[in-house]
Amino acid sequence: MINKRYSLLLSFPLVLFMTGCTSIPKSGMPESQFSALDCRAIADQLAQEQVTQERSAQAKSNSWKVVIPFAIAARYIDASSHMNESERRANLLVQEQQSKSCKQVAG
């Protein structure tokens, strides 16, 4: 019985970590395909990156709610990574949008 409780306690931080990180969406489109996108598809991708950035910021600010210190750090680092990646992708998409003289759609 003690082993079961110990196993449950050890798995709890992992469950918290996984549930905290899975709520941040990430586009599966490779950056190499950005140049093939039309204006509407670029606007759609930018909208997806905006959602990723918003959810990443929310996860970063809510990371204190997870009581276990290493889970806080892991969640914060993961959210920061998602946000940085999304900002970089959004910049590439804006560059592609500008190079195609697309009408910029507010996100």
PDB file of N, CA and C in Angstrom:
ATOM      1  N   MET A   1       0.820  -1.195   0.000  1.00  0.00           N
ATOM      2  CA  MET A   1       0.000   0.000   0.000  1.00  0.00           C
ATOM      3  C   MET A   1       0.864   1.259   0.000  1.00  0.00           C
ATOM      4  N   ILE A   2       1.965   1.232   0.735  1.00  0.00           N
ATOM      5  CA  ILE A   2       2.859   2.386   0.789  1.00  0.00           C
ATOM      6  C   ILE A   2       3.464   2.638  -0.593  1.00  0.00           C
ATOM      7  N   ASN A   3       3.827   1.581  -1.313  1.00  0.00           N
ATOM      8  CA  ASN A   3       4.390   1.736  -2.652  1.00  0.00           C
ATOM      9  C   ASN A   3       3.391   2.386  -3.603  1.00  0.00           C
ATOM     10  N   LYS A   4       2.114   2.018  -3.472  1.00  0.00           N
ATOM     11  CA  LYS A   4       1.073   2.620  -4.311  1.00  0.00           C
ATOM     12  C   LYS A   4       0.961   4.116  -4.039  1.00  0.00           C
ATOM     13  N   ARG A   5       0.956   4.490  -2.798  1.00  0.00           N
ATOM     14  CA  ARG A   5       0.867   5.912  -2.437  1.00  0.00           C
ATOM     15  C   ARG A   5       2.087   6.670  -2.927  1.00  0.00           C
ATOM     16  N   TYR A   6       3.249   6.072  -2.780  1.00  0.00           N
ATOM     17  CA  TYR A   6       4.486   6.697  -3.223  1.00  0.00           C
ATOM     18  C   TYR A   6       4.460   6.886  -4.739  1.00  0.00           C
ATOM     19  N   SER A   7       4.004   5.886  -5.452  1.00  0.00           N
ATOM     20  CA  SER A   7       3.899   5.979  -6.909  1.00  0.00           C
ATOM     21  C   SER A   7       2.919   7.069  -7.321  1.00  0.00           C
ATOM     22  N   LEU A   8       1.809   7.150  -6.610  1.00  0.00           N
ATOM     23  CA  LEU A   8       0.809   8.176  -6.895  1.00  0.00           C
ATOM     24  C   LEU A   8       1.377   9.569  -6.655  1.00  0.00           C
ATOM     25  N   LEU A   9       2.105   9.737  -5.562  1.00  0.00           N
ATOM     26  CA  LEU A   9       2.715  11.032  -5.265  1.00  0.00           C
ATOM     27  C   LEU A   9       3.756  11.417  -6.310  1.00  0.00           C
ATOM     28  N   LEU A  10       4.509  10.456  -6.788  1.00  0.00           N
ATOM     29  CA  LEU A  10       5.509  10.744  -7.804  1.00  0.00           C
ATOM     30  C   LEU A  10       4.879  11.059  -9.162  1.00  0.00           C
ATOM     31  N   SER A  11       3.748  10.466  -9.457  1.00  0.00           N
ATOM     32  CA  SER A  11       3.112  10.711 -10.748  1.00  0.00           C
ATOM     33  C   SER A  11       2.316  12.011 -10.767  1.00  0.00           C
ATOM     34  N   PHE A  12       1.925  12.535  -9.622  1.00  0.00           N
ATOM     35  CA  PHE A  12       1.129  13.764  -9.552  1.00  0.00           C
ATOM     36  C   PHE A  12       1.819  14.957 -10.218  1.00  0.00           C
ATOM     37  N   PRO A  13       3.107  15.227  -9.933  1.00  0.00           N
ATOM     38  CA  PRO A  13       3.763  16.355 -10.609  1.00  0.00           C
ATOM     39  C   PRO A  13       3.809  16.178 -12.124  1.00  0.00           C
ATOM     40  N   LEU A  14       3.998  14.964 -12.577  1.00  0.00           N
ATOM     41  CA  LEU A  14       4.026  14.710 -14.010  1.00  0.00           C
ATOM     42  C   LEU A  14       2.672  15.006 -14.646  1.00  0.00           C
ATOM     43  N   VAL A  15       1.606  14.619 -13.977  1.00  0.00           N
ATOM     44  CA  VAL A  15       0.261  14.911 -14.483  1.00  0.00           C
ATOM     45  C   VAL A  15       0.030  16.410 -14.527  1.00  0.00           C
ATOM     46  N   LEU A  16       0.414  17.128 -13.481  1.00  0.00           N
ATOM     47  CA  LEU A  16       0.266  18.589 -13.472  1.00  0.00           C
ATOM     48  C   LEU A  16       1.050  19.226 -14.609  1.00  0.00           C
ATOM     49  N   PHE A  17       2.264  18.750 -14.797  1.00  0.00           N
ATOM     50  CA  PHE A  17       3.106  19.293 -15.863  1.00  0.00           C
ATOM     51  C   PHE A  17       2.473  19.051 -17.228  1.00  0.00           C
ATOM     52  N   MET A  18       2.021  17.846 -17.474  1.00  0.00           N
ATOM     53  CA  MET A  18       1.455  17.510 -18.777  1.00  0.00           C
ATOM     54  C   MET A  18       0.148  18.266 -19.037  1.00  0.00           C
ATOM     55  N   THR A  19      -0.690  18.395 -18.050  1.00  0.00           N
ATOM     56  CA  THR A  19      -1.948  19.116 -18.274  1.00  0.00           C
ATOM     57  C   THR A  19      -1.693  20.598 -18.463  1.00  0.00           C
ATOM     58  N   GLY A  20      -0.686  21.137 -17.830  1.00  0.00           N
ATOM     59  CA  GLY A  20      -0.363  22.549 -18.005  1.00  0.00           C
ATOM     60  C   GLY A  20       0.223  22.855 -19.360  1.00  0.00           C
ATOM     61  N   CYS A  21       0.952  21.940 -19.928  1.00  0.00           N
ATOM     62  CA  CYS A  21       1.642  22.187 -21.189  1.00  0.00           C
ATOM     63  C   CYS A  21       0.805  21.839 -22.410  1.00  0.00           C
ATOM     64  N   THR A  22      -0.155  20.968 -22.258  1.00  0.00           N
ATOM     65  CA  THR A  22      -0.907  20.537 -23.427  1.00  0.00           C
ATOM     66  C   THR A  22      -1.925  21.564 -23.885  1.00  0.00           C
ATOM     67  N   SER A  23      -2.194  22.584 -23.072  1.00  0.00           N
ATOM     68  CA  SER A  23      -3.200  23.560 -23.460  1.00  0.00           C
ATOM     69  C   SER A  23      -2.649  24.653 -24.371  1.00  0.00           C
ATOM     70  N   ILE A  24      -1.360  24.646 -24.655  1.00  0.00           N
ATOM     71  CA  ILE A  24      -0.757  25.649 -25.528  1.00  0.00           C
ATOM     72  C   ILE A  24      -0.706  25.084 -26.946  1.00  0.00           C
ATOM     73  N   PRO A  25      -1.491  25.677 -27.863  1.00  0.00           N
ATOM     74  CA  PRO A  25      -1.496  25.167 -29.238  1.00  0.00           C
ATOM     75  C   PRO A  25      -0.215  25.543 -29.969  1.00  0.00           C
ATOM     76  N   LYS A  26       0.157  24.716 -30.913  1.00  0.00           N
ATOM     77  CA  LYS A  26       1.344  24.998 -31.721  1.00  0.00           C
ATOM     78  C   LYS A  26       1.055  24.552 -33.147  1.00  0.00           C
ATOM     79  N   SER A  27       1.357  25.424 -34.088  1.00  0.00           N
ATOM     80  CA  SER A  27       1.133  25.112 -35.495  1.00  0.00           C
ATOM     81  C   SER A  27       2.096  24.013 -35.936  1.00  0.00           C
ATOM     82  N   GLY A  28       1.593  23.104 -36.737  1.00  0.00           N
ATOM     83  CA  GLY A  28       2.425  22.034 -37.257  1.00  0.00           C
ATOM     84  C   GLY A  28       3.026  22.356 -38.618  1.00  0.00           C
ATOM     85  N   MET A  29       2.722  23.535 -39.144  1.00  0.00           N
ATOM     86  CA  MET A  29       3.212  23.895 -40.476  1.00  0.00           C
ATOM     87  C   MET A  29       4.694  24.256 -40.409  1.00  0.00           C
ATOM     88  N   PRO A  30       5.504  23.575 -41.207  1.00  0.00           N
ATOM     89  CA  PRO A  30       6.936  23.903 -41.241  1.00  0.00           C
ATOM     90  C   PRO A  30       7.155  25.297 -41.830  1.00  0.00           C
ATOM     91  N   GLU A  31       8.154  25.995 -41.301  1.00  0.00           N
ATOM     92  CA  GLU A  31       8.470  27.333 -41.786  1.00  0.00           C
ATOM     93  C   GLU A  31       8.864  27.321 -43.264  1.00  0.00           C
ATOM     94  N   SER A  32       9.387  26.216 -43.708  1.00  0.00           N
ATOM     95  CA  SER A  32       9.793  26.118 -45.118  1.00  0.00           C
ATOM     96  C   SER A  32       8.606  26.254 -46.061  1.00  0.00           C
ATOM     97  N   GLN A  33       7.390  26.077 -45.548  1.00  0.00           N
ATOM     98  CA  GLN A  33       6.194  26.195 -46.382  1.00  0.00           C
ATOM     99  C   GLN A  33       5.583  27.597 -46.358  1.00  0.00           C
ATOM    100  N   PHE A  34       6.131  28.501 -45.553  1.00  0.00           N
ATOM    101  CA  PHE A  34       5.586  29.853 -45.464  1.00  0.00           C
ATOM    102  C   PHE A  34       5.561  30.545 -46.822  1.00  0.00           C
ATOM    103  N   SER A  35       6.598  30.357 -47.614  1.00  0.00           N
ATOM    104  CA  SER A  35       6.682  31.059 -48.896  1.00  0.00           C
ATOM    105  C   SER A  35       5.605  30.593 -49.876  1.00  0.00           C
ATOM    106  N   ALA A  36       5.025  29.426 -49.650  1.00  0.00           N
ATOM    107  CA  ALA A  36       3.996  28.901 -50.546  1.00  0.00           C
ATOM    108  C   ALA A  36       2.590  29.342 -50.132  1.00  0.00           C
ATOM    109  N   LEU A  37       2.470  30.027 -49.010  1.00  0.00           N
ATOM    110  CA  LEU A  37       1.160  30.428 -48.514  1.00  0.00           C
ATOM    111  C   LEU A  37       0.625  31.635 -49.277  1.00  0.00           C
ATOM    112  N   ASP A  38      -0.690  31.640 -49.481  1.00  0.00           N
ATOM    113  CA  ASP A  38      -1.322  32.841 -50.044  1.00  0.00           C
ATOM    114  C   ASP A  38      -1.653  33.781 -48.893  1.00  0.00           C
ATOM    115  N   CYS A  39      -2.155  34.949 -49.205  1.00  0.00           N
ATOM    116  CA  CYS A  39      -2.402  35.975 -48.188  1.00  0.00           C
ATOM    117  C   CYS A  39      -3.357  35.495 -47.097  1.00  0.00           C
ATOM    118  N   ARG A  40      -4.414  34.799 -47.477  1.00  0.00           N
ATOM    119  CA  ARG A  40      -5.390  34.320 -46.492  1.00  0.00           C
ATOM    120  C   ARG A  40      -4.761  33.287 -45.554  1.00  0.00           C
ATOM    121  N   ALA A  41      -3.967  32.391 -46.108  1.00  0.00           N
ATOM    122  CA  ALA A  41      -3.318  31.364 -45.288  1.00  0.00           C
ATOM    123  C   ALA A  41      -2.311  31.994 -44.331  1.00  0.00           C
ATOM    124  N   ILE A  42      -1.613  33.043 -44.785  1.00  0.00           N
ATOM    125  CA  ILE A  42      -0.679  33.753 -43.900  1.00  0.00           C
ATOM    126  C   ILE A  42      -1.452  34.392 -42.750  1.00  0.00           C
ATOM    127  N   ALA A  43      -2.582  35.035 -43.075  1.00  0.00           N
ATOM    128  CA  ALA A  43      -3.403  35.651 -42.028  1.00  0.00           C
ATOM    129  C   ALA A  43      -3.891  34.600 -41.038  1.00  0.00           C
ATOM    130  N   ASP A  44      -4.280  33.419 -41.531  1.00  0.00           N
ATOM    131  CA  ASP A  44      -4.727  32.331 -40.646  1.00  0.00           C
ATOM    132  C   ASP A  44      -3.598  31.869 -39.736  1.00  0.00           C
ATOM    133  N   GLN A  45      -2.407  31.720 -40.306  1.00  0.00           N
ATOM    134  CA  GLN A  45      -1.256  31.292 -39.515  1.00  0.00           C
ATOM    135  C   GLN A  45      -0.906  32.344 -38.463  1.00  0.00           C
ATOM    136  N   LEU A  46      -0.979  33.626 -38.829  1.00  0.00           N
ATOM    137  CA  LEU A  46      -0.718  34.691 -37.865  1.00  0.00           C
ATOM    138  C   LEU A  46      -1.741  34.658 -36.730  1.00  0.00           C
ATOM    139  N   ALA A  47      -2.984  34.373 -37.054  1.00  0.00           N
ATOM    140  CA  ALA A  47      -4.020  34.266 -36.022  1.00  0.00           C
ATOM    141  C   ALA A  47      -3.702  33.105 -35.074  1.00  0.00           C
ATOM    142  N   GLN A  48      -3.234  31.992 -35.624  1.00  0.00           N
ATOM    143  CA  GLN A  48      -2.861  30.851 -34.780  1.00  0.00           C
ATOM    144  C   GLN A  48      -1.684  31.200 -33.871  1.00  0.00           C
ATOM    145  N   GLU A  49      -0.714  31.933 -34.423  1.00  0.00           N
ATOM    146  CA  GLU A  49       0.446  32.326 -33.614  1.00  0.00           C
ATOM    147  C   GLU A  49       0.017  33.287 -32.508  1.00  0.00           C
ATOM    148  N   GLN A  50      -0.960  34.136 -32.778  1.00  0.00           N
ATOM    149  CA  GLN A  50      -1.475  35.055 -31.760  1.00  0.00           C
ATOM    150  C   GLN A  50      -2.099  34.272 -30.602  1.00  0.00           C
ATOM    151  N   VAL A  51      -2.871  33.228 -30.924  1.00  0.00           N
ATOM    152  CA  VAL A  51      -3.478  32.387 -29.885  1.00  0.00           C
ATOM    153  C   VAL A  51      -2.381  31.702 -29.073  1.00  0.00           C
ATOM    154  N   THR A  52      -1.351  31.203 -29.747  1.00  0.00           N
ATOM    155  CA  THR A  52      -0.242  30.554 -29.055  1.00  0.00           C
ATOM    156  C   THR A  52       0.437  31.529 -28.103  1.00  0.00           C
ATOM    157  N   GLN A  53       0.669  32.746 -28.569  1.00  0.00           N
ATOM    158  CA  GLN A  53       1.324  33.742 -27.726  1.00  0.00           C
ATOM    159  C   GLN A  53       0.458  34.111 -26.524  1.00  0.00           C
ATOM    160  N   GLU A  54      -0.846  34.262 -26.742  1.00  0.00           N
ATOM    161  CA  GLU A  54      -1.747  34.600 -25.634  1.00  0.00           C
ATOM    162  C   GLU A  54      -1.801  33.483 -24.603  1.00  0.00           C
ATOM    163  N   ARG A  55      -1.926  32.240 -25.065  1.00  0.00           N
ATOM    164  CA  ARG A  55      -1.996  31.108 -24.128  1.00  0.00           C
ATOM    165  C   ARG A  55      -0.664  30.891 -23.425  1.00  0.00           C
ATOM    166  N   SER A  56       0.441  31.148 -24.140  1.00  0.00           N
ATOM    167  CA  SER A  56       1.767  31.030 -23.510  1.00  0.00           C
ATOM    168  C   SER A  56       1.926  32.062 -22.406  1.00  0.00           C
ATOM    169  N   ALA A  57       1.518  33.296 -22.682  1.00  0.00           N
ATOM    170  CA  ALA A  57       1.607  34.351 -21.671  1.00  0.00           C
ATOM    171  C   ALA A  57       0.742  34.011 -20.458  1.00  0.00           C
ATOM    172  N   GLN A  58      -0.440  33.463 -20.724  1.00  0.00           N
ATOM    173  CA  GLN A  58      -1.334  33.079 -19.633  1.00  0.00           C
ATOM    174  C   GLN A  58      -0.711  31.954 -18.807  1.00  0.00           C
ATOM    175  N   ALA A  59      -0.128  30.969 -19.473  1.00  0.00           N
ATOM    176  CA  ALA A  59       0.495  29.856 -18.758  1.00  0.00           C
ATOM    177  C   ALA A  59       1.681  30.344 -17.928  1.00  0.00           C
ATOM    178  N   LYS A  60       2.446  31.290 -18.478  1.00  0.00           N
ATOM    179  CA  LYS A  60       3.570  31.842 -17.724  1.00  0.00           C
ATOM    180  C   LYS A  60       3.078  32.555 -16.474  1.00  0.00           C
ATOM    181  N   SER A  61       2.046  33.366 -16.628  1.00  0.00           N
ATOM    182  CA  SER A  61       1.565  34.127 -15.472  1.00  0.00           C
ATOM    183  C   SER A  61       0.855  33.245 -14.455  1.00  0.00           C
ATOM    184  N   ASN A  62       0.310  32.125 -14.891  1.00  0.00           N
ATOM    185  CA  ASN A  62      -0.389  31.211 -13.983  1.00  0.00           C
ATOM    186  C   ASN A  62       0.511  30.114 -13.431  1.00  0.00           C
ATOM    187  N   SER A  63       1.783  30.117 -13.793  1.00  0.00           N
ATOM    188  CA  SER A  63       2.670  29.025 -13.375  1.00  0.00           C
ATOM    189  C   SER A  63       2.838  28.958 -11.863  1.00  0.00           C
ATOM    190  N   TRP A  64       2.647  30.056 -11.169  1.00  0.00           N
ATOM    191  CA  TRP A  64       2.780  30.050  -9.712  1.00  0.00           C
ATOM    192  C   TRP A  64       1.713  29.192  -9.053  1.00  0.00           C
ATOM    193  N   LYS A  65       0.611  28.938  -9.760  1.00  0.00           N
ATOM    194  CA  LYS A  65      -0.495  28.182  -9.176  1.00  0.00           C
ATOM    195  C   LYS A  65      -0.157  26.709  -8.961  1.00  0.00           C
ATOM    196  N   VAL A  66       0.818  26.220  -9.684  1.00  0.00           N
ATOM    197  CA  VAL A  66       1.264  24.844  -9.473  1.00  0.00           C
ATOM    198  C   VAL A  66       2.223  24.890  -8.286  1.00  0.00           C
ATOM    199  N   VAL A  67       1.880  24.208  -7.232  1.00  0.00           N
ATOM    200  CA  VAL A  67       2.580  24.361  -5.968  1.00  0.00           C
ATOM    201  C   VAL A  67       3.996  23.787  -5.989  1.00  0.00           C
ATOM    202  N   ILE A  68       4.222  22.749  -6.736  1.00  0.00           N
ATOM    203  CA  ILE A  68       5.510  22.070  -6.713  1.00  0.00           C
ATOM    204  C   ILE A  68       6.543  22.890  -7.489  1.00  0.00           C
ATOM    205  N   PRO A  69       7.630  23.317  -6.852  1.00  0.00           N
ATOM    206  CA  PRO A  69       8.587  24.241  -7.461  1.00  0.00           C
ATOM    207  C   PRO A  69       9.158  23.802  -8.810  1.00  0.00           C
ATOM    208  N   PHE A  70       9.560  22.557  -8.947  1.00  0.00           N
ATOM    209  CA  PHE A  70      10.140  22.160 -10.223  1.00  0.00           C
ATOM    210  C   PHE A  70       9.098  22.138 -11.331  1.00  0.00           C
ATOM    211  N   ALA A  71       7.847  21.908 -10.991  1.00  0.00           N
ATOM    212  CA  ALA A  71       6.781  21.960 -11.988  1.00  0.00           C
ATOM    213  C   ALA A  71       6.547  23.402 -12.433  1.00  0.00           C
ATOM    214  N   ILE A  72       6.681  24.345 -11.508  1.00  0.00           N
ATOM    215  CA  ILE A  72       6.546  25.763 -11.853  1.00  0.00           C
ATOM    216  C   ILE A  72       7.631  26.138 -12.857  1.00  0.00           C
ATOM    217  N   ALA A  73       8.841  25.775 -12.556  1.00  0.00           N
ATOM    218  CA  ALA A  73       9.958  26.109 -13.440  1.00  0.00           C
ATOM    219  C   ALA A  73       9.792  25.451 -14.804  1.00  0.00           C
ATOM    220  N   ALA A  74       9.421  24.189 -14.815  1.00  0.00           N
ATOM    221  CA  ALA A  74       9.257  23.476 -16.084  1.00  0.00           C
ATOM    222  C   ALA A  74       8.141  24.094 -16.912  1.00  0.00           C
ATOM    223  N   ARG A  75       7.049  24.432 -16.271  1.00  0.00           N
ATOM    224  CA  ARG A  75       5.917  25.028 -16.991  1.00  0.00           C
ATOM    225  C   ARG A  75       6.284  26.409 -17.514  1.00  0.00           C
ATOM    226  N   TYR A  76       6.985  27.202 -16.718  1.00  0.00           N
ATOM    227  CA  TYR A  76       7.393  28.538 -17.132  1.00  0.00           C
ATOM    228  C   TYR A  76       8.356  28.459 -18.317  1.00  0.00           C
ATOM    229  N   ILE A  77       9.319  27.565 -18.237  1.00  0.00           N
ATOM    230  CA  ILE A  77      10.281  27.394 -19.331  1.00  0.00           C
ATOM    231  C   ILE A  77       9.584  26.921 -20.590  1.00  0.00           C
ATOM    232  N   ASP A  78       8.668  25.980 -20.459  1.00  0.00           N
ATOM    233  CA  ASP A  78       7.931  25.477 -21.619  1.00  0.00           C
ATOM    234  C   ASP A  78       7.092  26.588 -22.249  1.00  0.00           C
ATOM    235  N   ALA A  79       6.416  27.373 -21.417  1.00  0.00           N
ATOM    236  CA  ALA A  79       5.592  28.470 -21.938  1.00  0.00           C
ATOM    237  C   ALA A  79       6.471  29.520 -22.613  1.00  0.00           C
ATOM    238  N   SER A  80       7.620  29.815 -22.025  1.00  0.00           N
ATOM    239  CA  SER A  80       8.544  30.775 -22.633  1.00  0.00           C
ATOM    240  C   SER A  80       9.037  30.279 -23.986  1.00  0.00           C
ATOM    241  N   SER A  81       9.331  29.014 -24.049  1.00  0.00           N
ATOM    242  CA  SER A  81       9.792  28.422 -25.303  1.00  0.00           C
ATOM    243  C   SER A  81       8.719  28.530 -26.382  1.00  0.00           C
ATOM    244  N   HIS A  82       7.479  28.204 -26.024  1.00  0.00           N
ATOM    245  CA  HIS A  82       6.371  28.318 -26.976  1.00  0.00           C
ATOM    246  C   HIS A  82       6.198  29.760 -27.434  1.00  0.00           C
ATOM    247  N   MET A  83       6.281  30.697 -26.491  1.00  0.00           N
ATOM    248  CA  MET A  83       6.091  32.099 -26.837  1.00  0.00           C
ATOM    249  C   MET A  83       7.201  32.585 -27.764  1.00  0.00           C
ATOM    250  N   ASN A  84       8.444  32.265 -27.450  1.00  0.00           N
ATOM    251  CA  ASN A  84       9.563  32.685 -28.288  1.00  0.00           C
ATOM    252  C   ASN A  84       9.450  32.101 -29.693  1.00  0.00           C
ATOM    253  N   GLU A  85       9.119  30.833 -29.783  1.00  0.00           N
ATOM    254  CA  GLU A  85       8.963  30.177 -31.082  1.00  0.00           C
ATOM    255  C   GLU A  85       7.826  30.820 -31.874  1.00  0.00           C
ATOM    256  N   SER A  86       6.723  31.100 -31.209  1.00  0.00           N
ATOM    257  CA  SER A  86       5.573  31.695 -31.879  1.00  0.00           C
ATOM    258  C   SER A  86       5.884  33.112 -32.351  1.00  0.00           C
ATOM    259  N   GLU A  87       6.587  33.895 -31.534  1.00  0.00           N
ATOM    260  CA  GLU A  87       6.965  35.247 -31.947  1.00  0.00           C
ATOM    261  C   GLU A  87       7.886  35.208 -33.164  1.00  0.00           C
ATOM    262  N   ARG A  88       8.824  34.278 -33.168  1.00  0.00           N
ATOM    263  CA  ARG A  88       9.745  34.138 -34.296  1.00  0.00           C
ATOM    264  C   ARG A  88       8.986  33.761 -35.561  1.00  0.00           C
ATOM    265  N   ARG A  89       8.059  32.797 -35.440  1.00  0.00           N
ATOM    266  CA  ARG A  89       7.258  32.371 -36.592  1.00  0.00           C
ATOM    267  C   ARG A  89       6.366  33.507 -37.094  1.00  0.00           C
ATOM    268  N   ALA A  90       5.781  34.263 -36.154  1.00  0.00           N
ATOM    269  CA  ALA A  90       4.930  35.386 -36.551  1.00  0.00           C
ATOM    270  C   ALA A  90       5.738  36.424 -37.324  1.00  0.00           C
ATOM    271  N   ASN A  91       6.965  36.682 -36.882  1.00  0.00           N
ATOM    272  CA  ASN A  91       7.826  37.624 -37.611  1.00  0.00           C
ATOM    273  C   ASN A  91       8.115  37.135 -39.025  1.00  0.00           C
ATOM    274  N   LEU A  92       8.386  35.847 -39.173  1.00  0.00           N
ATOM    275  CA  LEU A  92       8.623  35.291 -40.507  1.00  0.00           C
ATOM    276  C   LEU A  92       7.374  35.407 -41.378  1.00  0.00           C
ATOM    277  N   LEU A  93       6.212  35.162 -40.776  1.00  0.00           N
ATOM    278  CA  LEU A  93       4.958  35.270 -41.526  1.00  0.00           C
ATOM    279  C   LEU A  93       4.687  36.712 -41.953  1.00  0.00           C
ATOM    280  N   VAL A  94       4.962  37.665 -41.078  1.00  0.00           N
ATOM    281  CA  VAL A  94       4.773  39.076 -41.428  1.00  0.00           C
ATOM    282  C   VAL A  94       5.710  39.470 -42.567  1.00  0.00           C
ATOM    283  N   GLN A  95       6.946  38.984 -42.512  1.00  0.00           N
ATOM    284  CA  GLN A  95       7.888  39.256 -43.603  1.00  0.00           C
ATOM    285  C   GLN A  95       7.364  38.685 -44.920  1.00  0.00           C
ATOM    286  N   GLU A  96       6.825  37.479 -44.861  1.00  0.00           N
ATOM    287  CA  GLU A  96       6.271  36.851 -46.064  1.00  0.00           C
ATOM    288  C   GLU A  96       5.052  37.635 -46.547  1.00  0.00           C
ATOM    289  N   GLN A  97       4.229  38.072 -45.616  1.00  0.00           N
ATOM    290  CA  GLN A  97       3.043  38.855 -45.935  1.00  0.00           C
ATOM    291  C   GLN A  97       3.444  40.163 -46.617  1.00  0.00           C
ATOM    292  N   GLN A  98       4.463  40.817 -46.101  1.00  0.00           N
ATOM    293  CA  GLN A  98       4.930  42.076 -46.677  1.00  0.00           C
ATOM    294  C   GLN A  98       5.559  41.866 -48.043  1.00  0.00           C
ATOM    295  N   SER A  99       6.295  40.783 -48.206  1.00  0.00           N
ATOM    296  CA  SER A  99       6.921  40.532 -49.499  1.00  0.00           C
ATOM    297  C   SER A  99       5.917  40.236 -50.588  1.00  0.00           C
ATOM    298  N   LYS A 100       4.718  39.797 -50.191  1.00  0.00           N
ATOM    299  CA  LYS A 100       3.659  39.512 -51.162  1.00  0.00           C
ATOM    300  C   LYS A 100       2.647  40.667 -51.247  1.00  0.00           C
ATOM    301  N   SER A 101       2.956  41.763 -50.558  1.00  0.00           N
ATOM    302  CA  SER A 101       2.081  42.943 -50.529  1.00  0.00           C
ATOM    303  C   SER A 101       0.644  42.588 -50.123  1.00  0.00           C
ATOM    304  N   CYS A 102       0.534  41.699 -49.158  1.00  0.00           N
ATOM    305  CA  CYS A 102      -0.789  41.296 -48.670  1.00  0.00           C
ATOM    306  C   CYS A 102      -1.352  42.375 -47.767  1.00  0.00           C
ATOM    307  N   LYS A 103      -2.659  42.462 -47.749  1.00  0.00           N
ATOM    308  CA  LYS A 103      -3.343  43.333 -46.806  1.00  0.00           C
ATOM    309  C   LYS A 103      -3.153  42.710 -45.421  1.00  0.00           C
ATOM    310  N   GLN A 104      -2.679  43.488 -44.475  1.00  0.00           N
ATOM    311  CA  GLN A 104      -2.449  42.965 -43.129  1.00  0.00           C
ATOM    312  C   GLN A 104      -3.782  42.915 -42.390  1.00  0.00           C
ATOM    313  N   VAL A 105      -4.058  41.731 -41.833  1.00  0.00           N
ATOM    314  CA  VAL A 105      -5.284  41.520 -41.073  1.00  0.00           C
ATOM    315  C   VAL A 105      -4.928  41.558 -39.597  1.00  0.00           C
ATOM    316  N   ALA A 106      -5.622  42.401 -38.850  1.00  0.00           N
ATOM    317  CA  ALA A 106      -5.345  42.507 -37.399  1.00  0.00           C
ATOM    318  C   ALA A 106      -5.743  41.212 -36.714  1.00  0.00           C
ATOM    319  N   GLY A 107      -4.916  40.764 -35.742  1.00  0.00           N
ATOM    320  CA  GLY A 107      -5.154  39.499 -35.056  1.00  0.00           C
ATOM    321  C   GLY A 107      -5.972  39.591 -33.866  1.00  0.00           C
TER     322      GLY A 107
END
